[in-house]
Amino acid sequence: MAQSSDTNQTQEQLEALNEALDSGSFVHVRKMLNNLPAPTIAHFLESSPHKARETLWHLISKENEGEVLNFLNEDLQSDILNKLSPKEVANITEGLETDDIADILQQLPDQEINEVLSTMGDQDRQRLEAVLSYPEDSAGGLLNTDAITVRRSHTLDAVLRYLRRHDEIPSMTDNLLVVSRDDLLVGLLPLRKVLVSDPGLTVSEIMITDFEAIPVSMPDNEVAQLFERMDWVSAPVVNEEGKLLGRITIDDIVDVIMEDADHSLMSMAGLDEEDDTFAPVFKTAKRRAVWLGVNLVTAFIAASVINRFAETIDQVVALAVLMTIVASMGGVAGNQTLTLVIRSMAIGQIGRTNSLWLMRRELGVGLLNGLLWAFVSALIAIFWFDDNKLAYIFAGAMVVNLIVAALSGAFLPMLLKKLKIDPALAGSVVLTTITDVVGFLSFLGLAALLY
């Protein structure tokens, strides 16, 4: 209920901003914009037509630009960054967390990244270079270097005095990280224990030594699975030698989960999760044209199968009416399995130990559904066309295609992943081609034999 109220309020604010913008009341728009949180301003920018964005961006106060930029989608970030000089990029990202700055800079060409880094101070540059040296979709690409470290020989009283010397501690700090003189991570010191324990105790007496550190090379989706399973707020990141590099916090993991969900949803339509809803016509058309071309090729493959049985269709016109039903049922059944398997792979539920069982399960599901709907389809064909032979053909093709669809939906994502092809992007197109070809081939092939 509260979420619905927030959505309505945001929509009302957006309408008020658009009305003020249309009326040319830029002073009013500036005041409205800069009184809003950075995520809301970013939402307004993403929800505005392309021409209005440039005006809105220039109305955002300089101190808010970095935070707003951080919350924009990659497509819009790239558009804005391309219009800024390296010095301007360095200025507006100043004060952001290291991992957030790295995410923003990765929208730029390598040469421009180096130019931006050259304008920064030594400490900031070294931190950013460390994060940028890791792949964006790895734990190293998510880590932040703002962790507070202590030694195990320190007393809790010394730790508390050390903390009070800070103006504030980094957000989402639930543990202090205990390191050796060589920066090897040796334990975690929960803040909840520091606040209630005897100040005379040493760190080594109450620190947690049974913990799981994240390897810097771990893929970000596996990091997200760990956070979800373990209910972490933050987690330390170490290199191959066990040296502490930084930490990952839950806010970055939420971003990973959202990006993966968007990727799975958008990829099934051949779109990028960062595609801009309000991008210009030519830019949008160019991106979608590629996938439409791929689909056209697969459609011609299915059409060529139908063409092979043109004479059979000429003899029995009812075949043309019913054959699309067989292909459609296969497509739906296959996509049910495909979606389930892709989701299970994304959350790490499918591996070598259970993939064979899953294939057998889907074979059983396909057979049962095939027999059920074959019987229903046969009755409809008899009632509609009064042709028993056509009913047998219809039922037989339905069983074959539903079994093939279920097996394909389970097997394809695993095969594509092994071939290092994104199952979410390519799976639905390949599956549709298989179910169309098998559906038409089984239906028209049986018809050619019996007629």
Protein backbone atom coordinates (compact mmCIF):
# COMPACT_ATOMS: atom_id res chain seq x y z
CA MET A 1 0.00 0.00 0.00
CA ALA A 2 2.84 2.37 0.95
CA GLN A 3 4.67 1.50 -2.28
CA SER A 4 1.58 2.38 -4.32
CA SER A 5 1.32 5.71 -2.49
CA ASP A 6 5.00 6.47 -3.19
CA THR A 7 4.52 5.62 -6.88
CA ASN A 8 1.51 7.92 -7.15
CA GLN A 9 3.40 10.74 -5.41
CA THR A 10 6.38 10.32 -7.75
CA GLN A 11 4.07 10.38 -10.78
CA GLU A 12 2.41 13.57 -9.51
CA GLN A 13 5.84 15.19 -9.01
CA LEU A 14 6.83 14.18 -12.52
CA GLU A 15 3.67 15.74 -13.97
CA ALA A 16 4.24 18.94 -11.96
CA LEU A 17 7.83 19.13 -13.21
CA ASN A 18 6.77 18.61 -16.82
CA GLU A 19 4.11 21.33 -16.52
CA ALA A 20 6.65 23.76 -15.05
CA LEU A 21 9.15 22.84 -17.77
CA ASP A 22 6.56 23.35 -20.54
CA SER A 23 5.65 26.76 -19.10
CA GLY A 24 9.31 27.82 -19.17
CA SER A 25 9.45 28.35 -15.40
CA PHE A 26 13.03 27.11 -15.10
CA VAL A 27 13.68 28.74 -11.73
CA HIS A 28 10.74 26.81 -10.29
CA VAL A 29 11.92 23.57 -11.95
CA ARG A 30 15.44 24.04 -10.55
CA LYS A 31 14.07 24.50 -7.04
CA MET A 32 11.74 21.49 -7.34
CA LEU A 33 14.49 19.24 -8.74
CA ASN A 34 17.17 20.04 -6.18
CA ASN A 35 14.82 19.52 -3.25
CA LEU A 36 14.35 15.89 -4.28
CA PRO A 37 16.56 12.86 -3.45
CA ALA A 38 19.12 11.93 -6.12
CA PRO A 39 17.37 8.61 -7.04
CA THR A 40 14.11 10.49 -7.68
CA ILE A 41 15.86 13.10 -9.85
CA ALA A 42 17.46 10.27 -11.83
CA HIS A 43 14.03 8.69 -12.26
CA PHE A 44 12.66 11.98 -13.63
CA LEU A 45 15.51 12.21 -16.13
CA GLU A 46 14.96 8.64 -17.32
CA SER A 47 11.20 9.26 -17.60
CA SER A 48 11.57 12.42 -19.68
CA PRO A 49 11.71 12.66 -23.49
CA HIS A 50 15.17 12.97 -24.99
CA LYS A 51 15.01 16.73 -25.72
CA ALA A 52 13.90 17.64 -22.18
CA ARG A 53 16.77 15.77 -20.54
CA GLU A 54 19.51 18.19 -21.48
CA THR A 55 17.52 21.07 -20.01
CA LEU A 56 16.81 19.14 -16.81
CA TRP A 57 20.45 18.11 -16.44
CA HIS A 58 21.64 21.72 -16.59
CA LEU A 59 19.13 22.66 -13.89
CA ILE A 60 20.60 20.17 -11.42
CA SER A 61 22.94 21.82 -8.91
CA LYS A 62 26.65 20.95 -9.23
CA GLU A 63 26.77 19.29 -5.82
CA ASN A 64 23.97 16.89 -6.83
CA GLU A 65 25.25 15.96 -10.30
CA GLY A 66 27.51 13.10 -9.17
CA GLU A 67 24.84 11.41 -7.04
CA VAL A 68 22.23 11.74 -9.80
CA LEU A 69 24.64 10.41 -12.43
CA ASN A 70 25.30 7.39 -10.22
CA PHE A 71 21.60 6.40 -10.26
CA LEU A 72 21.06 6.76 -14.03
CA ASN A 73 21.00 3.78 -16.38
CA GLU A 74 24.18 3.09 -18.35
CA ASP A 75 22.74 4.34 -21.63
CA LEU A 76 21.87 7.76 -20.20
CA GLN A 77 25.10 7.91 -18.19
CA SER A 78 27.06 7.40 -21.39
CA ASP A 79 25.15 10.18 -23.20
CA ILE A 80 25.91 12.67 -20.41
CA LEU A 81 29.55 11.63 -19.93
CA ASN A 82 30.30 12.02 -23.64
CA LYS A 83 29.45 15.74 -23.32
CA LEU A 84 31.77 16.33 -20.34
CA SER A 85 35.51 16.96 -20.23
CA PRO A 86 37.74 14.64 -18.15
CA LYS A 87 38.13 17.39 -15.55
CA GLU A 88 34.35 17.82 -15.29
CA VAL A 89 33.86 14.05 -14.89
CA ALA A 90 36.46 14.00 -12.09
CA ASN A 91 34.76 16.95 -10.36
CA ILE A 92 31.20 15.62 -10.41
CA THR A 93 32.22 12.12 -9.24
CA GLU A 94 34.25 13.48 -6.34
CA GLY A 95 32.85 12.21 -3.05
CA LEU A 96 31.18 9.12 -4.53
CA GLU A 97 32.17 5.66 -3.34
CA THR A 98 35.05 4.06 -5.24
CA ASP A 99 32.97 1.26 -6.77
CA ASP A 100 30.33 3.76 -7.94
CA ILE A 101 32.96 5.96 -9.61
CA ALA A 102 34.43 2.88 -11.29
CA ASP A 103 30.98 1.91 -12.64
CA ILE A 104 30.55 5.41 -14.09
CA LEU A 105 34.03 5.57 -15.64
CA GLN A 106 33.56 2.21 -17.35
CA GLN A 107 31.09 3.93 -19.70
CA LEU A 108 34.03 5.86 -21.19
CA PRO A 109 36.71 4.73 -23.69
CA ASP A 110 40.03 3.66 -22.11
CA GLN A 111 41.83 6.82 -23.24
CA GLU A 112 39.25 9.08 -21.57
CA ILE A 113 39.35 6.98 -18.39
CA ASN A 114 43.10 7.58 -18.19
CA GLU A 115 42.56 11.31 -18.74
CA VAL A 116 40.01 11.43 -15.89
CA LEU A 117 42.35 9.48 -13.59
CA SER A 118 45.21 11.86 -14.37
CA THR A 119 43.19 14.78 -12.94
CA MET A 120 42.67 13.03 -9.57
CA GLY A 121 44.82 12.96 -6.47
CA ASP A 122 47.26 10.07 -5.96
CA GLN A 123 45.20 8.25 -3.31
CA ASP A 124 41.90 8.44 -5.23
CA ARG A 125 43.62 7.43 -8.46
CA GLN A 126 45.29 4.38 -6.89
CA ARG A 127 42.02 3.20 -5.36
CA LEU A 128 40.18 3.57 -8.65
CA GLU A 129 42.91 1.89 -10.66
CA ALA A 130 42.74 -1.08 -8.29
CA VAL A 131 38.97 -1.46 -8.80
CA LEU A 132 39.13 -0.82 -12.56
CA SER A 133 41.72 -3.58 -12.96
CA TYR A 134 39.02 -6.18 -12.24
CA PRO A 135 36.15 -7.21 -14.57
CA GLU A 136 32.97 -5.22 -14.00
CA ASP A 137 30.94 -8.40 -13.40
CA SER A 138 33.25 -9.79 -10.71
CA ALA A 139 33.64 -9.27 -6.97
CA GLY A 140 36.57 -6.98 -7.74
CA GLY A 141 34.30 -4.76 -9.80
CA LEU A 142 31.91 -4.43 -6.84
CA LEU A 143 34.36 -3.90 -4.00
CA ASN A 144 34.77 -0.67 -2.11
CA THR A 145 37.97 0.30 -0.31
CA ASP A 146 36.26 2.11 2.58
CA ALA A 147 36.58 -0.73 5.10
CA ILE A 148 37.77 0.02 8.65
CA THR A 149 40.54 -2.33 9.75
CA VAL A 150 41.93 -3.14 13.22
CA ARG A 151 44.61 -5.42 14.65
CA ARG A 152 43.83 -8.40 16.86
CA SER A 153 46.17 -7.17 19.64
CA HIS A 154 44.15 -3.96 20.15
CA THR A 155 41.80 -3.63 23.10
CA LEU A 156 38.17 -2.77 22.49
CA ASP A 157 38.76 0.51 24.33
CA ALA A 158 41.43 1.40 21.75
CA VAL A 159 39.08 0.38 18.92
CA LEU A 160 36.32 2.65 20.27
CA ARG A 161 38.71 5.59 20.60
CA TYR A 162 39.90 4.95 17.03
CA LEU A 163 36.31 4.95 15.74
CA ARG A 164 35.53 8.23 17.52
CA ARG A 165 38.33 9.91 15.58
CA HIS A 166 36.28 9.46 12.40
CA ASP A 167 33.69 12.06 11.42
CA GLU A 168 31.49 9.10 10.46
CA ILE A 169 31.98 5.43 9.74
CA PRO A 170 31.29 4.07 6.23
CA SER A 171 27.64 3.25 5.55
CA MET A 172 26.52 -0.34 6.11
CA THR A 173 29.45 -1.13 8.39
CA ASP A 174 28.34 -4.10 10.46
CA ASN A 175 31.83 -5.56 10.98
CA LEU A 176 35.32 -4.16 11.46
CA LEU A 177 37.90 -6.19 9.55
CA VAL A 178 40.78 -7.69 11.51
CA VAL A 179 44.05 -7.83 9.56
CA SER A 180 47.66 -8.81 10.24
CA ARG A 181 50.65 -6.53 9.63
CA ASP A 182 50.79 -7.95 6.09
CA ASP A 183 47.12 -7.05 5.49
CA LEU A 184 46.04 -10.70 5.63
CA LEU A 185 42.40 -10.96 6.71
CA VAL A 186 42.28 -12.96 9.96
CA GLY A 187 38.85 -12.20 11.40
CA LEU A 188 35.69 -10.12 11.67
CA LEU A 189 34.83 -7.90 14.63
CA PRO A 190 31.05 -7.29 14.79
CA LEU A 191 30.16 -3.77 15.92
CA ARG A 192 27.31 -5.19 18.00
CA LYS A 193 29.93 -7.00 20.12
CA VAL A 194 32.23 -3.98 20.38
CA LEU A 195 29.45 -1.85 21.86
CA VAL A 196 28.41 -4.27 24.62
CA SER A 197 31.66 -6.09 25.53
CA ASP A 198 34.19 -5.28 28.26
CA PRO A 199 36.47 -2.49 26.90
CA GLY A 200 39.46 -4.29 28.41
CA LEU A 201 39.06 -7.33 26.15
CA THR A 202 41.29 -7.63 23.11
CA VAL A 203 40.03 -7.95 19.55
CA SER A 204 41.38 -11.50 19.30
CA GLU A 205 39.21 -12.59 22.25
CA ILE A 206 35.87 -11.76 20.62
CA MET A 207 36.56 -11.64 16.87
CA ILE A 208 34.95 -14.18 14.53
CA THR A 209 37.45 -16.48 12.87
CA ASP A 210 34.92 -18.81 11.25
CA PHE A 211 33.91 -16.58 8.34
CA GLU A 212 33.75 -16.70 4.55
CA ALA A 213 35.70 -14.11 2.55
CA ILE A 214 34.85 -13.47 -1.10
CA PRO A 215 37.58 -14.17 -3.69
CA VAL A 216 38.17 -11.11 -5.85
CA SER A 217 37.61 -13.11 -9.05
CA MET A 218 34.21 -14.55 -8.05
CA PRO A 219 31.44 -13.68 -10.61
CA ASP A 220 29.00 -11.07 -9.31
CA ASN A 221 25.96 -13.37 -9.63
CA GLU A 222 27.65 -15.91 -7.33
CA VAL A 223 28.43 -13.13 -4.86
CA ALA A 224 24.74 -12.17 -4.92
CA GLN A 225 23.75 -15.79 -4.21
CA LEU A 226 26.08 -15.86 -1.20
CA PHE A 227 24.61 -12.61 0.18
CA GLU A 228 21.10 -14.00 -0.27
CA ARG A 229 21.89 -17.33 1.40
CA MET A 230 23.90 -15.90 4.30
CA ASP A 231 21.83 -12.71 4.89
CA TRP A 232 24.96 -10.55 4.81
CA VAL A 233 25.00 -6.76 5.05
CA SER A 234 28.63 -6.59 3.95
CA ALA A 235 31.43 -9.04 3.20
CA PRO A 236 35.22 -8.73 2.87
CA VAL A 237 36.98 -9.31 -0.45
CA VAL A 238 40.45 -10.90 -0.59
CA ASN A 239 42.99 -11.70 -3.30
CA GLU A 240 44.57 -15.10 -3.99
CA GLU A 241 46.99 -14.71 -1.05
CA GLY A 242 44.20 -13.83 1.39
CA LYS A 243 45.10 -10.14 1.57
CA LEU A 244 42.20 -7.77 2.24
CA LEU A 245 41.26 -5.64 -0.78
CA GLY A 246 38.00 -4.08 0.43
CA ARG A 247 34.41 -5.05 1.03
CA ILE A 248 31.12 -5.45 -0.80
CA THR A 249 27.90 -4.04 0.67
CA ILE A 250 24.30 -5.10 0.24
CA ASP A 251 23.32 -2.00 -1.78
CA ASP A 252 25.66 -3.12 -4.57
CA ILE A 253 24.23 -6.65 -4.40
CA VAL A 254 20.69 -5.31 -4.79
CA ASP A 255 21.89 -3.59 -7.98
CA VAL A 256 23.33 -6.89 -9.25
CA ILE A 257 20.07 -8.74 -8.53
CA MET A 258 18.02 -6.04 -10.26
CA GLU A 259 20.36 -5.99 -13.27
CA ASP A 260 20.21 -9.79 -13.60
CA ALA A 261 16.42 -9.73 -13.40
CA ASP A 262 16.21 -6.95 -15.99
CA HIS A 263 18.69 -8.80 -18.19
CA SER A 264 16.64 -12.01 -18.13
CA LEU A 265 13.39 -10.18 -18.89
CA MET A 266 14.73 -7.90 -21.63
CA SER A 267 16.96 -10.49 -23.28
CA MET A 268 13.99 -12.72 -24.06
CA ALA A 269 12.78 -9.93 -26.35
CA GLY A 270 16.27 -9.34 -27.76
CA LEU A 271 16.72 -6.08 -25.84
CA ASP A 272 19.50 -4.81 -23.60
CA GLU A 273 18.59 -4.23 -19.94
CA GLU A 274 20.10 -0.74 -20.23
CA ASP A 275 17.99 0.19 -23.26
CA ASP A 276 16.60 3.69 -22.80
CA THR A 277 12.80 3.86 -22.92
CA PHE A 278 12.94 7.43 -24.26
CA ALA A 279 15.90 7.07 -26.64
CA PRO A 280 15.61 8.71 -30.10
CA VAL A 281 13.74 6.86 -32.87
CA PHE A 282 16.79 6.03 -35.03
CA LYS A 283 18.86 4.74 -32.11
CA THR A 284 16.02 2.51 -30.88
CA ALA A 285 15.18 1.22 -34.36
CA LYS A 286 18.83 0.33 -35.04
CA ARG A 287 19.07 -1.74 -31.86
CA ARG A 288 15.85 -3.65 -32.49
CA ALA A 289 16.54 -4.25 -36.19
CA VAL A 290 19.28 -6.81 -35.47
CA TRP A 291 17.00 -9.07 -33.45
CA LEU A 292 14.17 -8.72 -35.96
CA GLY A 293 16.61 -9.84 -38.66
CA VAL A 294 17.53 -12.93 -36.65
CA ASN A 295 13.85 -13.71 -36.16
CA LEU A 296 13.18 -13.31 -39.88
CA VAL A 297 15.83 -15.95 -40.66
CA THR A 298 14.26 -18.43 -38.22
CA ALA A 299 10.80 -17.70 -39.63
CA PHE A 300 12.03 -18.57 -43.14
CA ILE A 301 13.40 -21.87 -41.80
CA ALA A 302 9.96 -22.79 -40.47
CA ALA A 303 8.31 -21.58 -43.69
CA SER A 304 10.63 -23.79 -45.76
CA VAL A 305 9.36 -26.83 -43.85
CA ILE A 306 5.76 -25.91 -44.70
CA ASN A 307 6.71 -25.39 -48.33
CA ARG A 308 7.99 -29.00 -48.54
CA PHE A 309 4.43 -30.19 -47.92
CA ALA A 310 2.59 -27.72 -50.18
CA GLU A 311 0.95 -30.52 -52.21
CA THR A 312 -0.34 -32.24 -49.06
CA ILE A 313 -1.83 -29.00 -47.80
CA ASP A 314 -3.51 -28.44 -51.19
CA GLN A 315 -5.23 -31.84 -50.84
CA VAL A 316 -6.48 -31.25 -47.28
CA VAL A 317 -7.13 -27.57 -46.58
CA ALA A 318 -7.87 -28.33 -42.90
CA LEU A 319 -4.16 -28.97 -42.40
CA ALA A 320 -3.44 -25.27 -42.92
CA VAL A 321 -5.97 -24.43 -40.21
CA LEU A 322 -4.64 -26.84 -37.58
CA MET A 323 -0.87 -26.89 -38.10
CA THR A 324 -0.31 -23.50 -36.42
CA ILE A 325 -2.03 -24.83 -33.27
CA VAL A 326 0.52 -27.64 -32.95
CA ALA A 327 3.44 -25.20 -33.30
CA SER A 328 1.86 -22.72 -30.86
CA MET A 329 1.26 -25.34 -28.16
CA GLY A 330 4.86 -26.49 -28.48
CA GLY A 331 6.12 -22.91 -28.20
CA VAL A 332 4.16 -22.27 -25.00
CA ALA A 333 5.20 -25.58 -23.39
CA GLY A 334 8.83 -25.05 -24.31
CA ASN A 335 8.92 -21.48 -23.00
CA GLN A 336 7.45 -22.61 -19.67
CA THR A 337 10.37 -24.99 -19.19
CA LEU A 338 12.93 -22.58 -20.64
CA THR A 339 11.93 -19.77 -18.25
CA LEU A 340 12.02 -22.10 -15.25
CA VAL A 341 15.45 -23.50 -16.14
CA ILE A 342 17.02 -20.09 -16.89
CA ARG A 343 15.76 -18.78 -13.54
CA SER A 344 17.08 -21.86 -11.70
CA MET A 345 20.46 -21.52 -13.41
CA ALA A 346 20.63 -17.84 -12.45
CA ILE A 347 20.17 -18.64 -8.73
CA GLY A 348 22.55 -21.60 -8.85
CA GLN A 349 20.06 -24.44 -8.42
CA ILE A 350 21.06 -26.48 -11.49
CA GLY A 351 24.35 -28.34 -11.86
CA ARG A 352 25.78 -31.64 -13.07
CA THR A 353 24.26 -33.60 -10.20
CA ASN A 354 20.62 -32.76 -10.95
CA SER A 355 20.49 -31.84 -14.66
CA LEU A 356 19.81 -35.45 -15.76
CA TRP A 357 16.98 -35.75 -13.24
CA LEU A 358 15.52 -32.51 -14.58
CA MET A 359 15.61 -33.84 -18.16
CA ARG A 360 13.76 -37.00 -17.08
CA ARG A 361 11.21 -34.92 -15.20
CA GLU A 362 10.57 -32.70 -18.23
CA LEU A 363 10.22 -35.81 -20.44
CA GLY A 364 7.49 -37.05 -18.11
CA VAL A 365 5.77 -33.65 -18.02
CA GLY A 366 5.89 -33.38 -21.82
CA LEU A 367 4.48 -36.90 -22.25
CA LEU A 368 1.60 -36.38 -19.81
CA ASN A 369 0.63 -32.98 -21.22
CA GLY A 370 1.06 -34.32 -24.75
CA LEU A 371 -1.35 -37.21 -24.14
CA LEU A 372 -3.87 -34.96 -22.37
CA TRP A 373 -3.99 -32.28 -25.06
CA ALA A 374 -3.69 -34.80 -27.89
CA PHE A 375 -6.92 -36.38 -26.68
CA VAL A 376 -8.65 -32.99 -26.43
CA SER A 377 -7.31 -31.92 -29.84
CA ALA A 378 -8.47 -35.14 -31.48
CA LEU A 379 -12.00 -34.65 -30.17
CA ILE A 380 -12.06 -31.07 -31.48
CA ALA A 381 -10.79 -32.17 -34.90
CA ILE A 382 -13.47 -34.89 -35.16
CA PHE A 383 -16.21 -32.48 -34.09
CA TRP A 384 -14.96 -29.67 -36.34
CA PHE A 385 -13.97 -31.51 -39.53
CA ASP A 386 -15.63 -34.94 -39.07
CA ASP A 387 -12.36 -36.63 -40.12
CA ASN A 388 -10.93 -39.42 -37.92
CA LYS A 389 -7.70 -39.60 -39.89
CA LEU A 390 -7.10 -35.88 -39.35
CA ALA A 391 -7.76 -36.35 -35.62
CA TYR A 392 -5.04 -39.06 -35.39
CA ILE A 393 -2.58 -36.81 -37.22
CA PHE A 394 -3.42 -33.86 -34.97
CA ALA A 395 -3.07 -35.93 -31.77
CA GLY A 396 0.17 -37.59 -32.84
CA ALA A 397 1.83 -34.31 -33.79
CA MET A 398 0.69 -32.75 -30.50
CA VAL A 399 2.35 -35.51 -28.43
CA VAL A 400 5.59 -35.33 -30.41
CA ASN A 401 5.89 -31.54 -30.26
CA LEU A 402 5.06 -31.18 -26.56
CA ILE A 403 7.67 -33.79 -25.63
CA VAL A 404 10.32 -32.17 -27.86
CA ALA A 405 9.39 -28.71 -26.53
CA ALA A 406 9.78 -29.76 -22.89
CA LEU A 407 13.11 -31.48 -23.51
CA SER A 408 14.41 -28.57 -25.61
CA GLY A 409 13.37 -26.03 -22.97
CA ALA A 410 15.39 -27.94 -20.35
CA PHE A 411 18.42 -28.82 -22.49
CA LEU A 412 18.92 -25.62 -24.50
CA PRO A 413 19.91 -23.27 -21.63
CA MET A 414 22.52 -25.75 -20.39
CA LEU A 415 23.93 -26.23 -23.89
CA LEU A 416 24.04 -22.49 -24.61
CA LYS A 417 25.75 -21.77 -21.30
CA LYS A 418 28.37 -24.42 -22.08
CA LEU A 419 28.95 -22.73 -25.45
CA LYS A 420 29.29 -19.37 -23.57
CA ILE A 421 26.12 -18.01 -25.22
CA ASP A 422 23.62 -16.13 -23.05
CA PRO A 423 20.62 -18.50 -22.60
CA ALA A 424 18.27 -15.60 -21.83
CA LEU A 425 19.20 -13.86 -25.08
CA ALA A 426 19.35 -16.77 -27.53
CA GLY A 427 17.22 -19.43 -25.83
CA SER A 428 13.75 -18.23 -26.83
CA VAL A 429 14.66 -17.72 -30.51
CA VAL A 430 16.28 -21.15 -30.85
CA LEU A 431 13.42 -22.79 -28.95
CA THR A 432 10.76 -21.15 -31.12
CA THR A 433 12.56 -22.36 -34.24
CA ILE A 434 12.72 -25.93 -32.88
CA THR A 435 9.06 -26.08 -31.83
CA ASP A 436 7.89 -24.55 -35.12
CA VAL A 437 9.99 -26.88 -37.27
CA VAL A 438 9.15 -30.02 -35.24
CA GLY A 439 5.47 -29.04 -35.03
CA PHE A 440 5.09 -28.47 -38.77
CA LEU A 441 7.28 -31.45 -39.68
CA SER A 442 5.48 -33.94 -37.43
CA PHE A 443 1.99 -32.70 -38.37
CA LEU A 444 2.54 -32.39 -42.11
CA GLY A 445 4.79 -35.47 -42.23
CA LEU A 446 2.09 -37.63 -40.67
CA ALA A 447 -0.46 -36.10 -43.01
CA ALA A 448 1.70 -36.92 -46.04
CA LEU A 449 1.95 -40.57 -44.88
CA LEU A 450 -1.76 -41.03 -44.15
CA TYR A 451 -3.19 -39.03 -47.04
